[in-house]
Amino acid sequence: MFSEQLKKLRESTNLSQSQFSNRLNVAKQTYCNWENGNAMPSISKLIMIADYFGISVDFLLGRENQTTLDITGLTEEELAPIRQLIYNLKNQQKKSGD
């Protein structure tokens, strides 16, 4: 589960394995082992990855299926289009599930 989640998250940022491993300050082979499910990162690296994507370690490890967005510092005016987008996406899902 972790390896799949890690790959999805990395790909969502359009980073290569080399680029992301550099950001984490680990060897590319080490990172590839994480993404291939051959090894797990240290706790400090798990925290670094979670912080990079703005998610919890539990979400990263597949222990929870909800993600959160940090909206700290945004005004109500800035939040309005985000709320509308979420509302529209949820309604789209409901309609396609009917």
PDB file of N, CA and C in Angstrom:
ATOM      1  N   MET A   1       0.815  -1.191   0.000  1.00  0.00           N
ATOM      2  CA  MET A   1       0.000   0.000   0.000  1.00  0.00           C
ATOM      3  C   MET A   1       0.866   1.264   0.000  1.00  0.00           C
ATOM      4  N   PHE A   2       1.876   1.320   0.875  1.00  0.00           N
ATOM      5  CA  PHE A   2       2.742   2.490   0.940  1.00  0.00           C
ATOM      6  C   PHE A   2       3.414   2.758  -0.401  1.00  0.00           C
ATOM      7  N   SER A   3       3.965   1.715  -1.002  1.00  0.00           N
ATOM      8  CA  SER A   3       4.708   1.910  -2.254  1.00  0.00           C
ATOM      9  C   SER A   3       3.797   2.467  -3.348  1.00  0.00           C
ATOM     10  N   GLU A   4       2.567   1.965  -3.423  1.00  0.00           N
ATOM     11  CA  GLU A   4       1.622   2.459  -4.422  1.00  0.00           C
ATOM     12  C   GLU A   4       1.250   3.915  -4.165  1.00  0.00           C
ATOM     13  N   GLN A   5       1.013   4.222  -2.897  1.00  0.00           N
ATOM     14  CA  GLN A   5       0.653   5.584  -2.518  1.00  0.00           C
ATOM     15  C   GLN A   5       1.798   6.549  -2.829  1.00  0.00           C
ATOM     16  N   LEU A   6       3.018   6.139  -2.500  1.00  0.00           N
ATOM     17  CA  LEU A   6       4.189   6.967  -2.749  1.00  0.00           C
ATOM     18  C   LEU A   6       4.331   7.271  -4.239  1.00  0.00           C
ATOM     19  N   LYS A   7       4.170   6.258  -5.056  1.00  0.00           N
ATOM     20  CA  LYS A   7       4.287   6.450  -6.507  1.00  0.00           C
ATOM     21  C   LYS A   7       3.211   7.396  -7.032  1.00  0.00           C
ATOM     22  N   LYS A   8       1.965   7.201  -6.588  1.00  0.00           N
ATOM     23  CA  LYS A   8       0.872   8.081  -7.026  1.00  0.00           C
ATOM     24  C   LYS A   8       1.146   9.529  -6.641  1.00  0.00           C
ATOM     25  N   LEU A   9       1.590   9.723  -5.410  1.00  0.00           N
ATOM     26  CA  LEU A   9       1.857  11.077  -4.943  1.00  0.00           C
ATOM     27  C   LEU A   9       2.997  11.709  -5.730  1.00  0.00           C
ATOM     28  N   ARG A  10       4.066  10.963  -5.948  1.00  0.00           N
ATOM     29  CA  ARG A  10       5.205  11.501  -6.710  1.00  0.00           C
ATOM     30  C   ARG A  10       4.775  11.865  -8.122  1.00  0.00           C
ATOM     31  N   GLU A  11       4.032  10.966  -8.758  1.00  0.00           N
ATOM     32  CA  GLU A  11       3.596  11.221 -10.129  1.00  0.00           C
ATOM     33  C   GLU A  11       2.649  12.410 -10.210  1.00  0.00           C
ATOM     34  N   SER A  12       1.897  12.658  -9.146  1.00  0.00           N
ATOM     35  CA  SER A  12       0.965  13.789  -9.141  1.00  0.00           C
ATOM     36  C   SER A  12       1.701  15.123  -9.180  1.00  0.00           C
ATOM     37  N   THR A  13       2.973  15.115  -8.813  1.00  0.00           N
ATOM     38  CA  THR A  13       3.778  16.336  -8.845  1.00  0.00           C
ATOM     39  C   THR A  13       4.670  16.408 -10.077  1.00  0.00           C
ATOM     40  N   ASN A  14       4.544  15.397 -10.945  1.00  0.00           N
ATOM     41  CA  ASN A  14       5.349  15.326 -12.175  1.00  0.00           C
ATOM     42  C   ASN A  14       6.846  15.307 -11.900  1.00  0.00           C
ATOM     43  N   LEU A  15       7.238  14.705 -10.783  1.00  0.00           N
ATOM     44  CA  LEU A  15       8.656  14.559 -10.469  1.00  0.00           C
ATOM     45  C   LEU A  15       9.123  13.160 -10.859  1.00  0.00           C
ATOM     46  N   SER A  16      10.341  13.062 -11.343  1.00  0.00           N
ATOM     47  CA  SER A  16      10.929  11.748 -11.609  1.00  0.00           C
ATOM     48  C   SER A  16      11.400  11.159 -10.287  1.00  0.00           C
ATOM     49  N   GLN A  17      11.717   9.883 -10.299  1.00  0.00           N
ATOM     50  CA  GLN A  17      12.250   9.257  -9.089  1.00  0.00           C
ATOM     51  C   GLN A  17      13.545   9.940  -8.669  1.00  0.00           C
ATOM     52  N   SER A  18      14.380  10.280  -9.621  1.00  0.00           N
ATOM     53  CA  SER A  18      15.647  10.967  -9.315  1.00  0.00           C
ATOM     54  C   SER A  18      15.409  12.326  -8.674  1.00  0.00           C
ATOM     55  N   GLN A  19      14.485  13.087  -9.237  1.00  0.00           N
ATOM     56  CA  GLN A  19      14.197  14.405  -8.696  1.00  0.00           C
ATOM     57  C   GLN A  19      13.673  14.322  -7.268  1.00  0.00           C
ATOM     58  N   PHE A  20      12.745  13.392  -7.040  1.00  0.00           N
ATOM     59  CA  PHE A  20      12.164  13.300  -5.704  1.00  0.00           C
ATOM     60  C   PHE A  20      13.166  12.748  -4.704  1.00  0.00           C
ATOM     61  N   SER A  21      13.975  11.788  -5.120  1.00  0.00           N
ATOM     62  CA  SER A  21      14.991  11.260  -4.205  1.00  0.00           C
ATOM     63  C   SER A  21      15.984  12.357  -3.814  1.00  0.00           C
ATOM     64  N   ASN A  22      16.302  13.250  -4.748  1.00  0.00           N
ATOM     65  CA  ASN A  22      17.179  14.385  -4.427  1.00  0.00           C
ATOM     66  C   ASN A  22      16.538  15.304  -3.397  1.00  0.00           C
ATOM     67  N   ARG A  23      15.256  15.550  -3.531  1.00  0.00           N
ATOM     68  CA  ARG A  23      14.560  16.412  -2.572  1.00  0.00           C
ATOM     69  C   ARG A  23      14.545  15.798  -1.181  1.00  0.00           C
ATOM     70  N   LEU A  24      14.525  14.464  -1.136  1.00  0.00           N
ATOM     71  CA  LEU A  24      14.515  13.763   0.150  1.00  0.00           C
ATOM     72  C   LEU A  24      15.924  13.499   0.673  1.00  0.00           C
ATOM     73  N   ASN A  25      16.906  13.829  -0.155  1.00  0.00           N
ATOM     74  CA  ASN A  25      18.320  13.620   0.194  1.00  0.00           C
ATOM     75  C   ASN A  25      18.622  12.134   0.442  1.00  0.00           C
ATOM     76  N   VAL A  26      18.146  11.295  -0.469  1.00  0.00           N
ATOM     77  CA  VAL A  26      18.444   9.861  -0.428  1.00  0.00           C
ATOM     78  C   VAL A  26      18.904   9.425  -1.813  1.00  0.00           C
ATOM     79  N   ALA A  27      19.607   8.317  -1.868  1.00  0.00           N
ATOM     80  CA  ALA A  27      20.049   7.771  -3.157  1.00  0.00           C
ATOM     81  C   ALA A  27      18.835   7.340  -3.975  1.00  0.00           C
ATOM     82  N   LYS A  28      18.952   7.454  -5.287  1.00  0.00           N
ATOM     83  CA  LYS A  28      17.844   7.057  -6.155  1.00  0.00           C
ATOM     84  C   LYS A  28      17.484   5.593  -5.920  1.00  0.00           C
ATOM     85  N   GLN A  29      18.474   4.730  -5.755  1.00  0.00           N
ATOM     86  CA  GLN A  29      18.213   3.302  -5.534  1.00  0.00           C
ATOM     87  C   GLN A  29      17.415   3.086  -4.242  1.00  0.00           C
ATOM     88  N   THR A  30      17.731   3.846  -3.213  1.00  0.00           N
ATOM     89  CA  THR A  30      16.980   3.760  -1.954  1.00  0.00           C
ATOM     90  C   THR A  30      15.529   4.115  -2.196  1.00  0.00           C
ATOM     91  N   TYR A  31      15.328   5.219  -2.905  1.00  0.00           N
ATOM     92  CA  TYR A  31      13.957   5.645  -3.205  1.00  0.00           C
ATOM     93  C   TYR A  31      13.239   4.594  -4.053  1.00  0.00           C
ATOM     94  N   CYS A  32      13.903   4.072  -5.071  1.00  0.00           N
ATOM     95  CA  CYS A  32      13.293   3.044  -5.930  1.00  0.00           C
ATOM     96  C   CYS A  32      12.866   1.828  -5.110  1.00  0.00           C
ATOM     97  N   ASN A  33      13.674   1.459  -4.134  1.00  0.00           N
ATOM     98  CA  ASN A  33      13.310   0.333  -3.265  1.00  0.00           C
ATOM     99  C   ASN A  33      12.037   0.622  -2.480  1.00  0.00           C
ATOM    100  N   TRP A  34      11.856   1.862  -2.050  1.00  0.00           N
ATOM    101  CA  TRP A  34      10.614   2.225  -1.351  1.00  0.00           C
ATOM    102  C   TRP A  34       9.427   2.104  -2.296  1.00  0.00           C
ATOM    103  N   GLU A  35       9.586   2.658  -3.495  1.00  0.00           N
ATOM    104  CA  GLU A  35       8.476   2.680  -4.448  1.00  0.00           C
ATOM    105  C   GLU A  35       8.158   1.288  -4.985  1.00  0.00           C
ATOM    106  N   ASN A  36       9.133   0.410  -5.012  1.00  0.00           N
ATOM    107  CA  ASN A  36       8.917  -0.964  -5.478  1.00  0.00           C
ATOM    108  C   ASN A  36       8.486  -1.903  -4.360  1.00  0.00           C
ATOM    109  N   GLY A  37       8.410  -1.403  -3.139  1.00  0.00           N
ATOM    110  CA  GLY A  37       7.971  -2.218  -2.015  1.00  0.00           C
ATOM    111  C   GLY A  37       9.048  -3.129  -1.460  1.00  0.00           C
ATOM    112  N   ASN A  38      10.299  -2.875  -1.785  1.00  0.00           N
ATOM    113  CA  ASN A  38      11.407  -3.700  -1.301  1.00  0.00           C
ATOM    114  C   ASN A  38      11.965  -3.240   0.041  1.00  0.00           C
ATOM    115  N   ALA A  39      11.643  -2.016   0.434  1.00  0.00           N
ATOM    116  CA  ALA A  39      12.136  -1.461   1.693  1.00  0.00           C
ATOM    117  C   ALA A  39      11.188  -0.359   2.135  1.00  0.00           C
ATOM    118  N   MET A  40      11.330   0.038   3.399  1.00  0.00           N
ATOM    119  CA  MET A  40      10.531   1.130   3.947  1.00  0.00           C
ATOM    120  C   MET A  40      11.483   2.225   4.426  1.00  0.00           C
ATOM    121  N   PRO A  41      11.068   3.474   4.296  1.00  0.00           N
ATOM    122  CA  PRO A  41      11.909   4.567   4.786  1.00  0.00           C
ATOM    123  C   PRO A  41      11.885   4.643   6.310  1.00  0.00           C
ATOM    124  N   SER A  42      12.843   5.356   6.842  1.00  0.00           N
ATOM    125  CA  SER A  42      12.879   5.601   8.285  1.00  0.00           C
ATOM    126  C   SER A  42      11.689   6.481   8.667  1.00  0.00           C
ATOM    127  N   ILE A  43      11.434   6.547   9.948  1.00  0.00           N
ATOM    128  CA  ILE A  43      10.338   7.387  10.430  1.00  0.00           C
ATOM    129  C   ILE A  43      10.572   8.841  10.040  1.00  0.00           C
ATOM    130  N   SER A  44      11.798   9.301  10.154  1.00  0.00           N
ATOM    131  CA  SER A  44      12.078  10.700   9.805  1.00  0.00           C
ATOM    132  C   SER A  44      11.813  10.965   8.321  1.00  0.00           C
ATOM    133  N   LYS A  45      12.115   9.989   7.462  1.00  0.00           N
ATOM    134  CA  LYS A  45      11.836  10.166   6.026  1.00  0.00           C
ATOM    135  C   LYS A  45      10.342  10.080   5.739  1.00  0.00           C
ATOM    136  N   LEU A  46       9.617   9.210   6.471  1.00  0.00           N
ATOM    137  CA  LEU A  46       8.161   9.152   6.318  1.00  0.00           C
ATOM    138  C   LEU A  46       7.542  10.513   6.644  1.00  0.00           C
ATOM    139  N   ILE A  47       8.008  11.104   7.718  1.00  0.00           N
ATOM    140  CA  ILE A  47       7.504  12.420   8.118  1.00  0.00           C
ATOM    141  C   ILE A  47       7.849  13.460   7.064  1.00  0.00           C
ATOM    142  N   MET A  48       9.056  13.397   6.518  1.00  0.00           N
ATOM    143  CA  MET A  48       9.482  14.337   5.485  1.00  0.00           C
ATOM    144  C   MET A  48       8.593  14.203   4.238  1.00  0.00           C
ATOM    145  N   ILE A  49       8.293  12.976   3.848  1.00  0.00           N
ATOM    146  CA  ILE A  49       7.439  12.735   2.675  1.00  0.00           C
ATOM    147  C   ILE A  49       6.032  13.256   2.939  1.00  0.00           C
ATOM    148  N   ALA A  50       5.482  12.936   4.115  1.00  0.00           N
ATOM    149  CA  ALA A  50       4.132  13.390   4.462  1.00  0.00           C
ATOM    150  C   ALA A  50       4.069  14.912   4.470  1.00  0.00           C
ATOM    151  N   ASP A  51       5.062  15.546   5.055  1.00  0.00           N
ATOM    152  CA  ASP A  51       5.100  17.011   5.089  1.00  0.00           C
ATOM    153  C   ASP A  51       5.198  17.594   3.688  1.00  0.00           C
ATOM    154  N   TYR A  52       5.994  16.967   2.837  1.00  0.00           N
ATOM    155  CA  TYR A  52       6.160  17.466   1.467  1.00  0.00           C
ATOM    156  C   TYR A  52       4.816  17.515   0.745  1.00  0.00           C
ATOM    157  N   PHE A  53       4.008  16.452   0.920  1.00  0.00           N
ATOM    158  CA  PHE A  53       2.719  16.380   0.232  1.00  0.00           C
ATOM    159  C   PHE A  53       1.574  16.981   1.039  1.00  0.00           C
ATOM    160  N   GLY A  54       1.840  17.407   2.270  1.00  0.00           N
ATOM    161  CA  GLY A  54       0.788  17.995   3.095  1.00  0.00           C
ATOM    162  C   GLY A  54      -0.252  16.979   3.528  1.00  0.00           C
ATOM    163  N   ILE A  55       0.206  15.760   3.817  1.00  0.00           N
ATOM    164  CA  ILE A  55      -0.687  14.687   4.226  1.00  0.00           C
ATOM    165  C   ILE A  55      -0.196  14.107   5.550  1.00  0.00           C
ATOM    166  N   SER A  56      -1.006  13.255   6.145  1.00  0.00           N
ATOM    167  CA  SER A  56      -0.574  12.600   7.379  1.00  0.00           C
ATOM    168  C   SER A  56       0.234  11.349   7.043  1.00  0.00           C
ATOM    169  N   VAL A  57       1.052  10.931   7.987  1.00  0.00           N
ATOM    170  CA  VAL A  57       1.793   9.680   7.826  1.00  0.00           C
ATOM    171  C   VAL A  57       0.805   8.523   7.724  1.00  0.00           C
ATOM    172  N   ASP A  58      -0.288   8.582   8.479  1.00  0.00           N
ATOM    173  CA  ASP A  58      -1.309   7.533   8.401  1.00  0.00           C
ATOM    174  C   ASP A  58      -1.881   7.414   6.995  1.00  0.00           C
ATOM    175  N   PHE A  59      -2.138   8.541   6.343  1.00  0.00           N
ATOM    176  CA  PHE A  59      -2.638   8.503   4.969  1.00  0.00           C
ATOM    177  C   PHE A  59      -1.589   7.894   4.051  1.00  0.00           C
ATOM    178  N   LEU A  60      -0.355   8.297   4.239  1.00  0.00           N
ATOM    179  CA  LEU A  60       0.752   7.787   3.430  1.00  0.00           C
ATOM    180  C   LEU A  60       0.889   6.274   3.567  1.00  0.00           C
ATOM    181  N   LEU A  61       0.673   5.775   4.775  1.00  0.00           N
ATOM    182  CA  LEU A  61       0.804   4.338   5.039  1.00  0.00           C
ATOM    183  C   LEU A  61      -0.479   3.561   4.754  1.00  0.00           C
ATOM    184  N   GLY A  62      -1.542   4.248   4.335  1.00  0.00           N
ATOM    185  CA  GLY A  62      -2.793   3.570   4.016  1.00  0.00           C
ATOM    186  C   GLY A  62      -3.632   3.240   5.235  1.00  0.00           C
ATOM    187  N   ARG A  63      -3.339   3.891   6.364  1.00  0.00           N
ATOM    188  CA  ARG A  63      -4.098   3.631   7.588  1.00  0.00           C
ATOM    189  C   ARG A  63      -5.359   4.478   7.667  1.00  0.00           C
ATOM    190  N   GLU A  64      -5.453   5.490   6.863  1.00  0.00           N
ATOM    191  CA  GLU A  64      -6.667   6.297   6.771  1.00  0.00           C
ATOM    192  C   GLU A  64      -6.852   6.651   5.308  1.00  0.00           C
ATOM    193  N   ASN A  65      -8.103   6.839   4.913  1.00  0.00           N
ATOM    194  CA  ASN A  65      -8.370   7.095   3.500  1.00  0.00           C
ATOM    195  C   ASN A  65      -8.796   8.526   3.226  1.00  0.00           C
ATOM    196  N   GLN A  66      -8.721   9.371   4.221  1.00  0.00           N
ATOM    197  CA  GLN A  66      -9.073  10.766   4.023  1.00  0.00           C
ATOM    198  C   GLN A  66      -7.814  11.609   4.010  1.00  0.00           C
ATOM    199  N   THR A  67      -7.779  12.519   3.109  1.00  0.00           N
ATOM    200  CA  THR A  67      -6.674  13.466   3.078  1.00  0.00           C
ATOM    201  C   THR A  67      -7.198  14.828   3.493  1.00  0.00           C
ATOM    202  N   THR A  68      -6.334  15.680   3.949  1.00  0.00           N
ATOM    203  CA  THR A  68      -6.736  17.019   4.362  1.00  0.00           C
ATOM    204  C   THR A  68      -5.911  18.040   3.603  1.00  0.00           C
ATOM    205  N   LEU A  69      -6.449  19.221   3.514  1.00  0.00           N
ATOM    206  CA  LEU A  69      -5.741  20.332   2.899  1.00  0.00           C
ATOM    207  C   LEU A  69      -5.474  21.381   3.960  1.00  0.00           C
ATOM    208  N   ASP A  70      -4.288  21.924   3.966  1.00  0.00           N
ATOM    209  CA  ASP A  70      -3.958  22.988   4.903  1.00  0.00           C
ATOM    210  C   ASP A  70      -4.428  24.302   4.304  1.00  0.00           C
ATOM    211  N   ILE A  71      -5.453  24.873   4.890  1.00  0.00           N
ATOM    212  CA  ILE A  71      -6.015  26.127   4.386  1.00  0.00           C
ATOM    213  C   ILE A  71      -5.694  27.295   5.314  1.00  0.00           C
ATOM    214  N   THR A  72      -4.763  27.066   6.208  1.00  0.00           N
ATOM    215  CA  THR A  72      -4.360  28.101   7.152  1.00  0.00           C
ATOM    216  C   THR A  72      -3.953  29.366   6.407  1.00  0.00           C
ATOM    217  N   GLY A  73      -4.484  30.471   6.850  1.00  0.00           N
ATOM    218  CA  GLY A  73      -4.098  31.757   6.278  1.00  0.00           C
ATOM    219  C   GLY A  73      -4.928  32.203   5.094  1.00  0.00           C
ATOM    220  N   LEU A  74      -5.805  31.331   4.586  1.00  0.00           N
ATOM    221  CA  LEU A  74      -6.651  31.740   3.469  1.00  0.00           C
ATOM    222  C   LEU A  74      -7.875  32.478   3.994  1.00  0.00           C
ATOM    223  N   THR A  75      -8.290  33.488   3.263  1.00  0.00           N
ATOM    224  CA  THR A  75      -9.484  34.241   3.647  1.00  0.00           C
ATOM    225  C   THR A  75     -10.726  33.489   3.188  1.00  0.00           C
ATOM    226  N   GLU A  76     -11.871  33.916   3.698  1.00  0.00           N
ATOM    227  CA  GLU A  76     -13.136  33.315   3.272  1.00  0.00           C
ATOM    228  C   GLU A  76     -13.342  33.499   1.772  1.00  0.00           C
ATOM    229  N   GLU A  77     -12.933  34.627   1.239  1.00  0.00           N
ATOM    230  CA  GLU A  77     -13.050  34.873  -0.207  1.00  0.00           C
ATOM    231  C   GLU A  77     -12.183  33.896  -0.996  1.00  0.00           C
ATOM    232  N   GLU A  78     -11.000  33.595  -0.492  1.00  0.00           N
ATOM    233  CA  GLU A  78     -10.107  32.650  -1.162  1.00  0.00           C
ATOM    234  C   GLU A  78     -10.614  31.219  -1.030  1.00  0.00           C
ATOM    235  N   LEU A  79     -11.289  30.921   0.066  1.00  0.00           N
ATOM    236  CA  LEU A  79     -11.806  29.574   0.291  1.00  0.00           C
ATOM    237  C   LEU A  79     -13.060  29.270  -0.518  1.00  0.00           C
ATOM    238  N   ALA A  80     -13.814  30.284  -0.869  1.00  0.00           N
ATOM    239  CA  ALA A  80     -15.093  30.083  -1.564  1.00  0.00           C
ATOM    240  C   ALA A  80     -14.947  29.242  -2.840  1.00  0.00           C
ATOM    241  N   PRO A  81     -14.019  29.554  -3.753  1.00  0.00           N
ATOM    242  CA  PRO A  81     -13.926  28.726  -4.965  1.00  0.00           C
ATOM    243  C   PRO A  81     -13.444  27.305  -4.673  1.00  0.00           C
ATOM    244  N   ILE A  82     -12.650  27.130  -3.628  1.00  0.00           N
ATOM    245  CA  ILE A  82     -12.198  25.781  -3.257  1.00  0.00           C
ATOM    246  C   ILE A  82     -13.381  24.962  -2.779  1.00  0.00           C
ATOM    247  N   ARG A  83     -14.193  25.557  -1.927  1.00  0.00           N
ATOM    248  CA  ARG A  83     -15.393  24.863  -1.440  1.00  0.00           C
ATOM    249  C   ARG A  83     -16.328  24.507  -2.590  1.00  0.00           C
ATOM    250  N   GLN A  84     -16.491  25.433  -3.528  1.00  0.00           N
ATOM    251  CA  GLN A  84     -17.363  25.189  -4.678  1.00  0.00           C
ATOM    252  C   GLN A  84     -16.825  24.048  -5.533  1.00  0.00           C
ATOM    253  N   LEU A  85     -15.536  24.013  -5.753  1.00  0.00           N
ATOM    254  CA  LEU A  85     -14.921  22.941  -6.528  1.00  0.00           C
ATOM    255  C   LEU A  85     -15.148  21.592  -5.862  1.00  0.00           C
ATOM    256  N   ILE A  86     -14.943  21.526  -4.553  1.00  0.00           N
ATOM    257  CA  ILE A  86     -15.166  20.278  -3.820  1.00  0.00           C
ATOM    258  C   ILE A  86     -16.624  19.854  -3.932  1.00  0.00           C
ATOM    259  N   TYR A  87     -17.532  20.798  -3.773  1.00  0.00           N
ATOM    260  CA  TYR A  87     -18.959  20.514  -3.895  1.00  0.00           C
ATOM    261  C   TYR A  87     -19.272  19.953  -5.286  1.00  0.00           C
ATOM    262  N   ASN A  88     -18.750  20.591  -6.321  1.00  0.00           N
ATOM    263  CA  ASN A  88     -18.999  20.147  -7.694  1.00  0.00           C
ATOM    264  C   ASN A  88     -18.438  18.745  -7.936  1.00  0.00           C
ATOM    265  N   LEU A  89     -17.241  18.475  -7.448  1.00  0.00           N
ATOM    266  CA  LEU A  89     -16.633  17.156  -7.638  1.00  0.00           C
ATOM    267  C   LEU A  89     -17.428  16.064  -6.930  1.00  0.00           C
ATOM    268  N   LYS A  90     -17.884  16.348  -5.713  1.00  0.00           N
ATOM    269  CA  LYS A  90     -18.675  15.362  -4.978  1.00  0.00           C
ATOM    270  C   LYS A  90     -19.989  15.082  -5.684  1.00  0.00           C
ATOM    271  N   ASN A  91     -20.635  16.117  -6.206  1.00  0.00           N
ATOM    272  CA  ASN A  91     -21.893  15.920  -6.929  1.00  0.00           C
ATOM    273  C   ASN A  91     -21.681  15.161  -8.227  1.00  0.00           C
ATOM    274  N   GLN A  92     -20.557  15.406  -8.878  1.00  0.00           N
ATOM    275  CA  GLN A  92     -20.214  14.681 -10.100  1.00  0.00           C
ATOM    276  C   GLN A  92     -20.075  13.192  -9.804  1.00  0.00           C
ATOM    277  N   GLN A  93     -19.417  12.872  -8.693  1.00  0.00           N
ATOM    278  CA  GLN A  93     -19.239  11.485  -8.299  1.00  0.00           C
ATOM    279  C   GLN A  93     -20.567  10.813  -8.006  1.00  0.00           C
ATOM    280  N   LYS A  94     -21.448  11.530  -7.329  1.00  0.00           N
ATOM    281  CA  LYS A  94     -22.769  10.970  -7.005  1.00  0.00           C
ATOM    282  C   LYS A  94     -23.551  10.678  -8.277  1.00  0.00           C
ATOM    283  N   LYS A  95     -23.510  11.605  -9.219  1.00  0.00           N
ATOM    284  CA  LYS A  95     -24.243  11.411 -10.474  1.00  0.00           C
ATOM    285  C   LYS A  95     -23.685  10.259 -11.287  1.00  0.00           C
ATOM    286  N   SER A  96     -22.374  10.105 -11.323  1.00  0.00           N
ATOM    287  CA  SER A  96     -21.774   9.013 -12.101  1.00  0.00           C
ATOM    288  C   SER A  96     -21.985   7.670 -11.418  1.00  0.00           C
ATOM    289  N   GLY A  97     -22.225   7.685 -10.110  1.00  0.00           N
ATOM    290  CA  GLY A  97     -22.468   6.451  -9.371  1.00  0.00           C
ATOM    291  C   GLY A  97     -23.914   5.979  -9.444  1.00  0.00           C
ATOM    292  N   ASP A  98     -24.795   6.827  -9.934  1.00  0.00           N
ATOM    293  CA  ASP A  98     -26.223   6.456 -10.035  1.00  0.00           C
ATOM    294  C   ASP A  98     -26.484   5.436 -11.094  1.00  0.00           C
TER     295      ASP A  98
END
